[in-house]
């Protein structure tokens, strides 16, 4: 197993340490598990397909113009 030094946010470190104590596990085990879960989740997000986009043409009305928007909705 590789050894390294990582600077963690103190609040994050305390949460991981509390989890390790609660689960009666070593801090190293919890850190490794959480890193693996985070990397797996990131990998799944990276693999999601981009949804297709379509042009709907020019807008019928400026949505910032309340009156024009109201008139358009009332006419339908």
N, C-alpha and C. Protein backbone atom coordinates (compact mmCIF):
# COMPACT_ATOMS: atom_id res chain seq x y z
N UNK A 1 0.84 -1.17 0.00
CA UNK A 1 0.00 0.00 0.00
C UNK A 1 0.89 1.24 0.00
N UNK A 2 0.55 2.20 -0.84
CA UNK A 2 1.31 3.45 -0.92
C UNK A 2 1.00 4.34 0.28
N UNK A 3 1.98 5.10 0.69
CA UNK A 3 1.81 6.06 1.77
C UNK A 3 1.96 7.46 1.18
N UNK A 4 1.15 8.37 1.68
CA UNK A 4 1.24 9.75 1.22
C UNK A 4 0.72 10.67 2.32
N UNK A 5 0.96 11.94 2.16
CA UNK A 5 0.45 12.94 3.09
C UNK A 5 -0.59 13.77 2.36
N UNK A 6 -1.74 13.93 2.98
CA UNK A 6 -2.82 14.70 2.37
C UNK A 6 -3.27 15.75 3.39
N UNK A 7 -3.44 16.98 2.93
CA UNK A 7 -3.96 18.03 3.80
C UNK A 7 -5.48 18.04 3.67
N UNK A 8 -6.17 17.73 4.77
CA UNK A 8 -7.62 17.69 4.77
C UNK A 8 -8.19 18.88 5.53
N UNK A 9 -9.34 19.34 5.08
CA UNK A 9 -10.08 20.34 5.82
C UNK A 9 -10.37 19.77 7.21
N UNK A 10 -10.20 20.59 8.24
CA UNK A 10 -10.36 20.07 9.61
C UNK A 10 -11.74 19.50 9.88
N UNK A 11 -12.79 20.15 9.36
CA UNK A 11 -14.15 19.64 9.57
C UNK A 11 -14.34 18.30 8.88
N UNK A 12 -13.77 18.17 7.69
CA UNK A 12 -13.86 16.91 6.96
C UNK A 12 -13.11 15.81 7.71
N UNK A 13 -11.92 16.15 8.19
CA UNK A 13 -11.13 15.18 8.95
C UNK A 13 -11.90 14.71 10.19
N UNK A 14 -12.53 15.64 10.90
CA UNK A 14 -13.28 15.27 12.10
C UNK A 14 -14.46 14.36 11.77
N UNK A 15 -15.12 14.62 10.65
CA UNK A 15 -16.24 13.76 10.25
C UNK A 15 -15.77 12.34 9.93
N UNK A 16 -14.64 12.25 9.24
CA UNK A 16 -14.10 10.92 8.90
C UNK A 16 -13.63 10.21 10.17
N UNK A 17 -12.98 10.94 11.04
CA UNK A 17 -12.49 10.34 12.29
C UNK A 17 -13.66 9.86 13.16
N UNK A 18 -14.73 10.66 13.21
CA UNK A 18 -15.91 10.25 13.98
C UNK A 18 -16.53 8.99 13.38
N UNK A 19 -16.56 8.94 12.07
CA UNK A 19 -17.11 7.74 11.40
C UNK A 19 -16.27 6.52 11.72
N UNK A 20 -14.95 6.68 11.68
CA UNK A 20 -14.05 5.56 11.99
C UNK A 20 -14.28 5.07 13.41
N UNK A 21 -14.42 6.00 14.35
CA UNK A 21 -14.67 5.61 15.74
C UNK A 21 -16.01 4.89 15.87
N UNK A 22 -17.04 5.47 15.26
CA UNK A 22 -18.39 4.92 15.35
C UNK A 22 -18.44 3.49 14.80
N UNK A 23 -17.72 3.27 13.68
CA UNK A 23 -17.71 1.95 13.04
C UNK A 23 -16.60 1.05 13.56
N UNK A 24 -15.85 1.56 14.54
CA UNK A 24 -14.72 0.82 15.12
C UNK A 24 -13.77 0.32 14.03
N UNK A 25 -13.39 1.26 13.17
CA UNK A 25 -12.47 0.95 12.08
C UNK A 25 -11.31 1.93 12.14
N UNK A 26 -10.25 1.59 11.43
CA UNK A 26 -9.11 2.49 11.35
C UNK A 26 -9.44 3.65 10.42
N UNK A 27 -8.87 4.80 10.72
CA UNK A 27 -9.07 5.99 9.91
C UNK A 27 -8.68 5.71 8.45
N UNK A 28 -7.58 5.01 8.27
CA UNK A 28 -7.10 4.67 6.93
C UNK A 28 -8.14 3.89 6.13
N UNK A 29 -8.83 2.96 6.77
CA UNK A 29 -9.86 2.18 6.09
C UNK A 29 -11.00 3.08 5.61
N UNK A 30 -11.43 3.97 6.49
CA UNK A 30 -12.53 4.88 6.14
C UNK A 30 -12.12 5.82 5.01
N UNK A 31 -10.93 6.36 5.08
CA UNK A 31 -10.46 7.27 4.03
C UNK A 31 -10.41 6.53 2.70
N UNK A 32 -9.85 5.33 2.68
CA UNK A 32 -9.76 4.55 1.44
C UNK A 32 -11.15 4.25 0.88
N UNK A 33 -12.08 3.85 1.76
CA UNK A 33 -13.43 3.54 1.32
C UNK A 33 -14.12 4.78 0.74
N UNK A 34 -14.02 5.90 1.43
CA UNK A 34 -14.68 7.12 0.97
C UNK A 34 -14.08 7.63 -0.34
N UNK A 35 -12.76 7.53 -0.48
CA UNK A 35 -12.14 7.92 -1.75
C UNK A 35 -12.60 7.02 -2.89
N UNK A 36 -12.67 5.71 -2.63
CA UNK A 36 -13.12 4.77 -3.66
C UNK A 36 -14.56 5.06 -4.06
N UNK A 37 -15.44 5.33 -3.08
CA UNK A 37 -16.83 5.65 -3.38
C UNK A 37 -16.94 6.93 -4.19
N UNK A 38 -16.17 7.93 -3.81
CA UNK A 38 -16.19 9.20 -4.53
C UNK A 38 -15.71 9.05 -5.97
N UNK A 39 -14.65 8.29 -6.17
CA UNK A 39 -14.13 8.08 -7.52
C UNK A 39 -15.10 7.28 -8.36
N UNK A 40 -15.76 6.29 -7.76
CA UNK A 40 -16.74 5.48 -8.50
C UNK A 40 -17.92 6.35 -8.92
N UNK A 41 -18.39 7.21 -8.02
CA UNK A 41 -19.52 8.09 -8.34
C UNK A 41 -19.13 9.06 -9.45
N UNK A 42 -17.92 9.59 -9.39
CA UNK A 42 -17.44 10.50 -10.44
C UNK A 42 -17.36 9.78 -11.77
N UNK A 43 -16.90 8.55 -11.75
CA UNK A 43 -16.79 7.75 -12.97
C UNK A 43 -18.17 7.51 -13.59
N UNK A 44 -19.17 7.22 -12.74
CA UNK A 44 -20.53 7.01 -13.24
C UNK A 44 -21.08 8.29 -13.86
N UNK A 45 -20.82 9.44 -13.23
CA UNK A 45 -21.30 10.72 -13.77
C UNK A 45 -20.63 11.01 -15.11
N UNK A 46 -19.35 10.67 -15.23
CA UNK A 46 -18.63 10.92 -16.48
C UNK A 46 -19.16 10.07 -17.62
N UNK A 47 -19.74 8.91 -17.31
CA UNK A 47 -20.20 7.99 -18.34
C UNK A 47 -21.62 8.27 -18.80
N UNK A 48 -22.32 9.18 -18.13
CA UNK A 48 -23.70 9.45 -18.54
C UNK A 48 -23.70 10.11 -19.90
N UNK A 49 -24.64 9.70 -20.73
CA UNK A 49 -24.71 10.22 -22.09
C UNK A 49 -25.26 11.64 -22.08
N UNK A 50 -24.74 12.46 -22.95
CA UNK A 50 -25.27 13.80 -23.13
C UNK A 50 -26.60 13.69 -23.85
N UNK A 51 -27.57 14.41 -23.37
CA UNK A 51 -28.88 14.39 -24.01
C UNK A 51 -28.85 15.27 -25.26
N UNK A 52 -29.58 14.89 -26.29
CA UNK A 52 -29.59 15.70 -27.50
C UNK A 52 -30.28 17.05 -27.25
N UNK A 53 -29.88 18.03 -28.02
CA UNK A 53 -30.51 19.34 -27.94
C UNK A 53 -31.13 19.67 -29.28
N UNK A 54 -32.18 20.45 -29.26
CA UNK A 54 -32.89 20.81 -30.47
C UNK A 54 -33.15 22.30 -30.49
N UNK A 55 -33.10 22.89 -31.65
CA UNK A 55 -33.44 24.29 -31.79
C UNK A 55 -34.96 24.41 -31.95
N UNK A 56 -35.55 25.25 -31.16
CA UNK A 56 -36.99 25.45 -31.23
C UNK A 56 -37.34 26.72 -32.02
N UNK A 57 -36.33 27.34 -32.60
CA UNK A 57 -36.57 28.55 -33.37
C UNK A 57 -36.63 29.77 -32.49
N UNK A 58 -36.99 30.86 -33.09
CA UNK A 58 -37.05 32.13 -32.38
C UNK A 58 -38.28 32.15 -31.46
N UNK A 59 -38.13 32.75 -30.30
CA UNK A 59 -39.22 32.83 -29.33
C UNK A 59 -40.36 33.68 -29.89
N UNK A 60 -41.58 33.29 -29.57
CA UNK A 60 -42.77 34.02 -30.03
C UNK A 60 -42.93 35.35 -29.29
N UNK A 61 -42.41 35.40 -28.10
CA UNK A 61 -42.57 36.60 -27.28
C UNK A 61 -41.39 36.72 -26.33
N UNK A 62 -41.06 37.92 -25.97
CA UNK A 62 -40.00 38.16 -24.98
C UNK A 62 -40.58 37.84 -23.61
N UNK A 63 -40.07 36.83 -22.95
CA UNK A 63 -40.63 36.41 -21.67
C UNK A 63 -40.44 37.46 -20.58
N UNK A 64 -39.56 38.41 -20.81
CA UNK A 64 -39.39 39.50 -19.84
C UNK A 64 -40.50 40.53 -19.97
N UNK A 65 -41.23 40.51 -21.08
CA UNK A 65 -42.34 41.44 -21.31
C UNK A 65 -43.62 40.79 -20.79
N UNK A 66 -44.01 41.15 -19.57
CA UNK A 66 -45.15 40.51 -18.92
C UNK A 66 -46.45 40.65 -19.71
N UNK A 67 -46.67 41.84 -20.22
CA UNK A 67 -47.91 42.09 -20.96
C UNK A 67 -47.99 41.21 -22.21
N UNK A 68 -46.89 41.16 -22.96
CA UNK A 68 -46.87 40.37 -24.19
C UNK A 68 -47.05 38.89 -23.85
N UNK A 69 -46.42 38.44 -22.78
CA UNK A 69 -46.54 37.05 -22.36
C UNK A 69 -47.99 36.75 -21.94
N UNK A 70 -48.58 37.65 -21.18
CA UNK A 70 -49.97 37.47 -20.75
C UNK A 70 -50.90 37.41 -21.95
N UNK A 71 -50.70 38.33 -22.91
CA UNK A 71 -51.53 38.35 -24.11
C UNK A 71 -51.41 37.04 -24.89
N UNK A 72 -50.19 36.55 -25.01
CA UNK A 72 -49.97 35.30 -25.74
C UNK A 72 -50.68 34.14 -25.05
N UNK A 73 -50.57 34.06 -23.72
CA UNK A 73 -51.21 32.98 -22.98
C UNK A 73 -52.72 33.08 -23.04
N UNK A 74 -53.24 34.27 -23.03
CA UNK A 74 -54.68 34.47 -23.08
C UNK A 74 -55.24 34.13 -24.46
N UNK A 75 -54.43 34.32 -25.49
CA UNK A 75 -54.92 34.07 -26.86
C UNK A 75 -55.01 32.59 -27.21
N UNK A 76 -54.41 31.75 -26.40
CA UNK A 76 -54.43 30.29 -26.69
C UNK A 76 -55.55 29.58 -26.02
